[in-house]
Amino acid sequence: MDIIVILEMRQNPTRLERTFQLLGFDGFVFIELFGFACGIIMAWKTEKVDIQVILKNFQFMQLFIDAKDDHKWIFTPSFWRLAYGRIFQ
């Protein structure tokens, strides 16, 4: 596994950074928690992929991923539907 994404982590992202490092992930980006809800963390192995943040919002991140095997793509981890469901129910 070269990339991991956690939605609604309910944990301080800076506390989890050390855990990801122990698991071999040396790239790290996150969106802060919104109270005890929301929050997105993405960690990756930099020897396998390069990741650039295009846009960060409290509900999503948009990232450009360049795999070292010449595959490139845009990735958008989001929990908008989860948040939308809670707000409007």
Protein backbone atom coordinates (compact mmCIF):
# COMPACT_ATOMS: atom_id res chain seq x y z
CA MET A 1 0.00 0.00 0.00
CA ASP A 2 1.51 3.32 -1.11
CA ILE A 3 -1.34 5.72 -0.25
CA ILE A 4 -3.82 5.76 2.62
CA VAL A 5 -6.79 8.10 3.15
CA ILE A 6 -8.82 8.35 6.35
CA LEU A 7 -12.10 10.27 6.51
CA GLU A 8 -13.64 11.50 9.76
CA MET A 9 -10.58 10.51 11.77
CA ARG A 10 -11.80 12.03 15.07
CA GLN A 11 -8.17 12.41 16.09
CA ASN A 12 -5.75 15.31 16.04
CA PRO A 13 -4.00 14.97 12.65
CA THR A 14 -0.60 15.99 13.98
CA ARG A 15 -0.78 13.17 16.53
CA LEU A 16 -1.44 10.65 13.74
CA GLU A 17 1.51 11.85 11.65
CA ARG A 18 3.98 9.94 13.83
CA THR A 19 1.90 6.75 13.48
CA PHE A 20 1.97 7.05 9.70
CA GLN A 21 5.75 7.56 9.78
CA LEU A 22 6.13 4.36 11.79
CA LEU A 23 4.12 2.58 9.08
CA GLY A 24 6.50 3.85 6.37
CA PHE A 25 4.48 6.80 5.05
CA ASP A 26 6.61 9.92 4.79
CA GLY A 27 4.25 12.22 2.85
CA PHE A 28 1.37 13.69 4.80
CA VAL A 29 -1.46 16.18 4.23
CA PHE A 30 -4.61 16.80 6.24
CA ILE A 31 -7.67 18.95 6.77
CA GLU A 32 -8.33 20.03 10.34
CA LEU A 33 -11.20 18.62 12.34
CA PHE A 34 -14.41 20.62 12.56
CA GLY A 35 -15.26 19.98 16.21
CA PHE A 36 -15.35 16.19 16.45
CA ALA A 37 -16.53 15.80 12.86
CA CYS A 38 -14.94 16.03 9.46
CA GLY A 39 -11.22 15.86 8.94
CA ILE A 40 -9.36 14.08 6.16
CA ILE A 41 -5.85 12.67 6.34
CA MET A 42 -3.84 11.34 3.41
CA ALA A 43 -0.42 9.77 3.78
CA TRP A 44 1.83 8.30 1.10
CA LYS A 45 5.25 6.83 0.41
CA THR A 46 7.26 9.46 -1.42
CA GLU A 47 9.50 6.91 -3.12
CA LYS A 48 6.38 5.59 -4.92
CA VAL A 49 4.28 8.72 -5.61
CA ASP A 50 4.56 12.49 -5.75
CA ILE A 51 1.47 14.33 -4.52
CA GLN A 52 0.67 18.02 -4.87
CA VAL A 53 -2.27 19.71 -3.19
CA ILE A 54 -4.39 21.60 -5.72
CA LEU A 55 -7.15 22.71 -3.35
CA LYS A 56 -8.14 22.14 0.28
CA ASN A 57 -11.54 22.86 1.80
CA PHE A 58 -13.01 21.75 5.12
CA GLN A 59 -15.01 19.08 3.21
CA PHE A 60 -12.54 17.86 0.59
CA MET A 61 -9.04 17.96 -0.88
CA GLN A 62 -8.13 17.92 -4.54
CA LEU A 63 -4.74 16.39 -5.24
CA PHE A 64 -2.55 15.74 -8.26
CA ILE A 65 -0.94 12.31 -7.99
CA ASP A 66 2.10 11.38 -10.06
CA ALA A 67 2.99 7.72 -9.63
CA LYS A 68 6.61 6.91 -10.32
CA ASP A 69 5.44 4.40 -12.95
CA ASP A 70 4.25 7.24 -15.27
CA HIS A 71 0.58 7.15 -14.20
CA LYS A 72 -0.91 10.53 -13.28
CA TRP A 73 -4.34 11.44 -12.03
CA ILE A 74 -6.44 13.87 -9.98
CA PHE A 75 -7.85 12.50 -6.72
CA THR A 76 -10.51 14.16 -4.56
CA PRO A 77 -11.17 12.58 -1.16
CA SER A 78 -14.41 14.06 0.14
CA PHE A 79 -17.03 13.43 2.78
CA TRP A 80 -19.52 15.96 1.46
CA ARG A 81 -22.42 13.50 1.39
CA LEU A 82 -21.72 12.45 4.98
CA ALA A 83 -21.75 16.07 6.15
CA TYR A 84 -24.71 16.95 3.93
CA GLY A 85 -26.75 14.10 5.39
CA ARG A 86 -26.13 15.23 8.94
CA ILE A 87 -26.88 18.89 8.31
CA PHE A 88 -30.09 18.46 6.31
CA GLN A 89 -31.79 15.50 7.99
